[in-house]
Amino acid sequence: MDRTARPLVIVAAFAGSLVVGLVLMLWAFGGIRNVAAPAAIGGPFQLTDQAGQTVTEKSLQGHPTLIFFGFTHCPDVCPTSLFEISEVLRAMGRDADRVNAWFISVDPERDTSEAMKDYLSSFDPHLKGLTGNPDQVAKVIAAYRVYARKVPLKDGDYTMDHTALVYLMDRDGRFVSPFNLKRTPEQAAADLKKYL
């Protein structure tokens, strides 16, 4: 990516995430409840994890779930967020076994199960990478109201603009709120343990 395009892509991704984040935070704290009912977040999907196992919305049942949408060629936001999630899982100790932590690809063209497996080897082993064919990925993106768009680069390659929130789902698979990673891992872990 050339030096002039990269800042624009980063700013665009940040701006898109900021808008989605503000709307979700307003809704979560009751700021827009009287204006309009928010769109439901979540729904049926079928994806494949990095071990080739099928994961569906039923896999949410019984455990709180952290979900982050991104892609393996992401230069900064994705690895930073996955590192922060890994730190929260580490801080949870044995309770991390009772949490789903999913990294869902918005780039099925490049993110095969094998690519997800290689990428996630740098992070906490509780993190599962989920991908699928373009139709399956489009369905889960729509269900979670994720912004994701392919952005061509001058060299013929491409990057992805995408929502950069961590979704917290409860033990019944219902959306709770965006999960705040901008605190100590211990504080975030203590918060997550409330949903066990």
Protein backbone atom coordinates (compact mmCIF):
# COMPACT_ATOMS: atom_id res chain seq x y z
CA MET A 1 0.00 0.00 0.00
CA ASP A 2 1.46 3.39 -0.91
CA ARG A 3 2.05 6.03 1.74
CA THR A 4 -0.82 8.28 0.65
CA ALA A 5 -3.48 5.55 0.45
CA ARG A 6 -2.69 3.86 3.78
CA PRO A 7 -3.68 6.81 6.03
CA LEU A 8 -6.92 7.23 4.05
CA VAL A 9 -7.80 3.56 4.49
CA ILE A 10 -7.04 3.72 8.22
CA VAL A 11 -9.10 6.92 8.66
CA ALA A 12 -12.02 5.45 6.69
CA ALA A 13 -11.98 2.24 8.72
CA PHE A 14 -11.78 4.21 11.97
CA ALA A 15 -14.62 6.55 10.95
CA GLY A 16 -16.87 3.64 9.96
CA SER A 17 -16.16 1.83 13.21
CA LEU A 18 -16.69 5.00 15.22
CA VAL A 19 -20.16 5.58 13.75
CA VAL A 20 -21.24 1.96 14.34
CA GLY A 21 -19.70 2.03 17.83
CA LEU A 22 -21.46 5.25 18.81
CA VAL A 23 -24.82 3.94 17.63
CA LEU A 24 -24.33 0.66 19.52
CA MET A 25 -23.16 2.43 22.68
CA LEU A 26 -26.10 4.85 22.57
CA TRP A 27 -28.47 1.93 22.18
CA ALA A 28 -26.76 -0.10 24.93
CA PHE A 29 -27.03 2.77 27.41
CA GLY A 30 -30.60 3.66 26.47
CA GLY A 31 -29.78 6.85 24.59
CA ILE A 32 -31.75 5.96 21.49
CA ARG A 33 -34.32 3.52 22.86
CA ASN A 34 -37.12 6.05 22.54
CA VAL A 35 -36.11 7.14 19.07
CA ALA A 36 -36.29 3.81 17.28
CA ALA A 37 -35.92 0.15 18.06
CA PRO A 38 -32.41 -0.98 17.15
CA ALA A 39 -31.90 -3.64 14.53
CA ALA A 40 -31.34 -7.07 16.00
CA ILE A 41 -27.71 -8.13 16.16
CA GLY A 42 -26.98 -11.78 15.53
CA GLY A 43 -28.87 -14.57 13.83
CA PRO A 44 -28.46 -17.89 12.05
CA PHE A 45 -25.12 -18.64 10.38
CA GLN A 46 -22.88 -21.55 9.46
CA LEU A 47 -19.11 -21.14 9.26
CA THR A 48 -16.01 -23.32 9.57
CA ASP A 49 -13.29 -22.92 12.19
CA GLN A 50 -9.56 -23.27 11.65
CA ALA A 51 -9.75 -26.99 12.47
CA GLY A 52 -12.42 -27.59 9.81
CA GLN A 53 -15.26 -27.92 12.34
CA THR A 54 -18.69 -26.42 11.64
CA VAL A 55 -19.75 -23.55 13.91
CA THR A 56 -23.30 -22.17 13.94
CA GLU A 57 -25.33 -19.73 16.03
CA LYS A 58 -26.18 -22.73 18.25
CA SER A 59 -22.51 -22.80 19.29
CA LEU A 60 -23.20 -19.55 21.19
CA GLN A 61 -25.51 -21.33 23.62
CA GLY A 62 -24.30 -21.80 27.17
CA HIS A 63 -21.27 -19.51 27.03
CA PRO A 64 -20.66 -15.79 26.79
CA THR A 65 -19.04 -15.01 23.45
CA LEU A 66 -16.62 -12.36 22.24
CA ILE A 67 -16.77 -11.83 18.47
CA PHE A 68 -14.40 -9.72 16.41
CA PHE A 69 -14.73 -9.32 12.63
CA GLY A 70 -11.55 -8.78 10.65
CA PHE A 71 -9.13 -10.38 8.19
CA THR A 72 -5.72 -11.97 8.24
CA HIS A 73 -4.09 -9.37 5.96
CA CYS A 74 -5.18 -6.55 8.31
CA PRO A 75 -2.10 -4.41 9.06
CA ASP A 76 -2.89 -3.07 12.54
CA VAL A 77 -6.42 -2.99 13.98
CA CYS A 78 -7.00 -6.77 13.83
CA PRO A 79 -3.74 -7.95 15.37
CA THR A 80 -4.02 -5.28 18.07
CA SER A 81 -7.59 -6.28 18.96
CA LEU A 82 -6.79 -10.00 18.92
CA PHE A 83 -3.79 -9.41 21.17
CA GLU A 84 -6.03 -7.48 23.60
CA ILE A 85 -8.63 -10.27 23.55
CA SER A 86 -5.82 -12.77 24.17
CA GLU A 87 -4.71 -10.78 27.20
CA VAL A 88 -8.27 -10.80 28.59
CA LEU A 89 -8.49 -14.58 28.10
CA ARG A 90 -5.12 -15.02 29.83
CA ALA A 91 -6.35 -12.90 32.75
CA MET A 92 -9.43 -15.13 33.06
CA GLY A 93 -7.30 -18.16 33.91
CA ARG A 94 -9.26 -21.42 33.82
CA ASP A 95 -12.51 -19.53 33.25
CA ALA A 96 -11.32 -18.82 29.71
CA ASP A 97 -12.42 -22.39 28.91
CA ARG A 98 -16.00 -21.24 29.56
CA VAL A 99 -15.94 -18.42 26.97
CA ASN A 100 -16.29 -18.48 23.18
CA ALA A 101 -13.81 -16.13 21.48
CA TRP A 102 -14.28 -15.89 17.72
CA PHE A 103 -12.40 -14.04 14.99
CA ILE A 104 -14.76 -14.01 12.00
CA SER A 105 -13.25 -13.23 8.60
CA VAL A 106 -14.70 -10.51 6.38
CA ASP A 107 -12.32 -11.66 3.59
CA PRO A 108 -13.32 -15.21 2.57
CA GLU A 109 -11.41 -14.87 -0.69
CA ARG A 110 -8.07 -15.09 1.14
CA ASP A 111 -9.00 -16.35 4.61
CA THR A 112 -9.21 -20.11 4.29
CA SER A 113 -9.35 -22.31 7.38
CA GLU A 114 -5.62 -22.97 6.93
CA ALA A 115 -4.84 -19.24 6.67
CA MET A 116 -6.87 -18.62 9.84
CA LYS A 117 -5.02 -21.42 11.65
CA ASP A 118 -1.61 -19.96 10.73
CA TYR A 119 -2.68 -16.44 11.66
CA LEU A 120 -4.17 -17.35 15.03
CA SER A 121 -1.11 -19.35 16.10
CA SER A 122 0.27 -16.03 17.41
CA PHE A 123 -2.66 -15.49 19.78
CA ASP A 124 -4.40 -17.18 22.70
CA PRO A 125 -5.36 -20.78 21.81
CA HIS A 126 -8.96 -20.16 22.92
CA LEU A 127 -9.47 -17.91 19.88
CA LYS A 128 -11.26 -19.63 17.01
CA GLY A 129 -11.02 -18.31 13.47
CA LEU A 130 -14.26 -18.65 11.53
CA THR A 131 -14.60 -18.39 7.76
CA GLY A 132 -16.73 -19.76 4.95
CA ASN A 133 -17.67 -19.21 1.37
CA PRO A 134 -18.62 -15.66 0.29
CA ASP A 135 -22.36 -16.28 0.76
CA GLN A 136 -21.88 -17.69 4.29
CA VAL A 137 -19.64 -14.78 5.26
CA ALA A 138 -22.05 -12.23 3.76
CA LYS A 139 -24.87 -13.76 5.81
CA VAL A 140 -23.05 -13.45 9.16
CA ILE A 141 -21.84 -9.93 8.28
CA ALA A 142 -25.45 -8.91 7.62
CA ALA A 143 -26.72 -10.65 10.77
CA TYR A 144 -24.27 -8.75 12.97
CA ARG A 145 -24.73 -5.44 11.15
CA VAL A 146 -21.03 -5.32 10.29
CA TYR A 147 -19.63 -2.79 7.86
CA ALA A 148 -17.17 -4.52 5.49
CA ARG A 149 -16.00 -3.31 2.09
CA LYS A 150 -13.20 -4.32 -0.26
CA VAL A 151 -10.85 -1.43 -1.08
CA PRO A 152 -8.66 -1.86 -4.19
CA LEU A 153 -5.01 -0.83 -3.94
CA LYS A 154 -2.81 0.57 -6.70
CA ASP A 155 -0.70 -2.57 -6.98
CA GLY A 156 -3.77 -4.67 -7.89
CA ASP A 157 -4.09 -6.04 -4.36
CA TYR A 158 -6.84 -4.99 -1.95
CA THR A 159 -7.53 -4.35 1.69
CA MET A 160 -10.76 -4.39 3.68
CA ASP A 161 -12.53 -1.60 5.53
CA HIS A 162 -14.51 -3.13 8.37
CA THR A 163 -16.20 -2.57 11.71
CA ALA A 164 -13.60 -2.86 14.47
CA LEU A 165 -15.79 -3.62 17.49
CA VAL A 166 -15.74 -6.59 19.82
CA TYR A 167 -19.29 -7.90 20.23
CA LEU A 168 -20.28 -9.37 23.59
CA MET A 169 -23.04 -11.98 23.36
CA ASP A 170 -24.60 -13.54 26.46
CA ARG A 171 -25.06 -17.25 27.28
CA ASP A 172 -28.29 -17.29 25.23
CA GLY A 173 -26.62 -15.84 22.15
CA ARG A 174 -28.13 -12.37 22.57
CA PHE A 175 -26.14 -9.22 21.95
CA VAL A 176 -25.22 -7.43 25.19
CA SER A 177 -23.01 -4.53 24.08
CA PRO A 178 -19.67 -3.72 22.47
CA PHE A 179 -16.98 -5.15 24.76
CA ASN A 180 -14.55 -2.54 26.05
CA LEU A 181 -10.91 -3.55 25.62
CA LYS A 182 -9.56 -0.12 26.60
CA ARG A 183 -8.94 -1.07 30.24
CA THR A 184 -6.65 -3.50 31.98
CA PRO A 185 -7.03 -7.15 31.01
CA GLU A 186 -7.90 -7.91 34.63
CA GLN A 187 -10.76 -5.37 34.63
CA ALA A 188 -12.10 -6.70 31.33
CA ALA A 189 -11.82 -10.30 32.57
CA ALA A 190 -13.73 -9.46 35.75
CA ASP A 191 -16.49 -7.90 33.64
CA LEU A 192 -16.64 -10.91 31.31
CA LYS A 193 -16.86 -13.32 34.25
CA LYS A 194 -20.22 -11.74 35.19
CA TYR A 195 -21.71 -13.41 32.10
CA LEU A 196 -20.47 -16.95 32.84
